[in-house]
Amino acid sequence: MFSFQVFILAMMTVELFGIMGLIGIKLSAIPVVILIASVGIGVEFTVHIALVSEDPAQSKSTHRGSL
């Protein structure tokens, strides 16, 4: 499952670079910060989904308390 998560994050980064290239955004300091932030949000979301799906027997209230 780990390799699938890494693949999703890598494809998200490739997609962001591709969209930036298609619409003509040059790679400078501000777009790099936006890319880093979006990858960070993607990592956080992926880790959250992985932790929730790891043990489906736990209740939602347990997960809310741990976050």
Protein backbone atom coordinates (compact mmCIF):
# COMPACT_ATOMS: atom_id res chain seq x y z
CA MET A 1 0.00 0.00 0.00
CA PHE A 2 2.96 2.32 0.64
CA SER A 3 4.10 2.23 -2.98
CA PHE A 4 0.58 3.12 -4.14
CA GLN A 5 0.55 6.20 -1.90
CA VAL A 6 3.96 7.29 -3.17
CA PHE A 7 2.74 6.79 -6.73
CA ILE A 8 -0.32 8.97 -6.10
CA LEU A 9 1.82 11.77 -4.62
CA ALA A 10 4.30 11.56 -7.50
CA MET A 11 1.51 11.72 -10.07
CA MET A 12 0.00 14.70 -8.28
CA THR A 13 3.33 16.53 -8.55
CA VAL A 14 3.70 15.63 -12.24
CA GLU A 15 0.15 16.80 -12.88
CA LEU A 16 0.80 20.14 -11.17
CA PHE A 17 3.95 20.72 -13.22
CA GLY A 18 2.10 19.73 -16.40
CA ILE A 19 -0.79 22.11 -15.76
CA MET A 20 1.67 24.91 -14.95
CA GLY A 21 3.43 24.28 -18.25
CA LEU A 22 0.19 24.17 -20.23
CA ILE A 23 -1.07 27.49 -18.93
CA GLY A 24 2.34 29.14 -19.19
CA ILE A 25 3.31 29.67 -15.55
CA LYS A 26 7.08 30.12 -15.25
CA LEU A 27 8.85 28.34 -12.42
CA SER A 28 9.90 31.03 -9.93
CA ALA A 29 9.82 31.45 -6.16
CA ILE A 30 6.06 31.90 -5.70
CA PRO A 31 4.95 28.92 -7.84
CA VAL A 32 7.56 26.74 -6.11
CA VAL A 33 6.10 27.66 -2.71
CA ILE A 34 2.62 26.82 -4.01
CA LEU A 35 3.88 23.46 -5.32
CA ILE A 36 5.53 22.62 -2.00
CA ALA A 37 2.38 23.56 -0.09
CA SER A 38 0.15 21.48 -2.38
CA VAL A 39 2.42 18.44 -2.05
CA GLY A 40 2.41 18.91 1.73
CA ILE A 41 -1.38 19.00 1.77
CA GLY A 42 -1.43 15.89 -0.42
CA VAL A 43 0.92 14.07 1.96
CA GLU A 44 -1.20 15.04 4.96
CA PHE A 45 -4.37 13.86 3.24
CA THR A 46 -2.78 10.58 2.15
CA VAL A 47 -1.47 9.87 5.65
CA HIS A 48 -4.89 10.65 7.11
CA ILE A 49 -6.65 8.27 4.71
CA ALA A 50 -4.04 5.57 5.31
CA LEU A 51 -4.41 5.81 9.09
CA VAL A 52 -8.19 5.74 8.97
CA SER A 53 -8.30 2.77 6.62
CA GLU A 54 -5.64 0.87 8.58
CA ASP A 55 -8.00 -0.17 11.38
CA PRO A 56 -11.65 0.06 10.30
CA ALA A 57 -12.80 -1.56 13.56
CA GLN A 58 -12.12 1.63 15.53
CA SER A 59 -14.95 4.09 15.86
CA LYS A 60 -14.89 7.56 14.36
CA SER A 61 -14.83 9.14 17.80
CA THR A 62 -11.54 7.36 18.58
CA HIS A 63 -9.96 8.77 15.43
CA ARG A 64 -11.20 12.26 16.19
CA GLY A 65 -9.70 12.12 19.66
CA SER A 66 -6.31 11.00 18.33
CA LEU A 67 -6.08 13.75 15.72
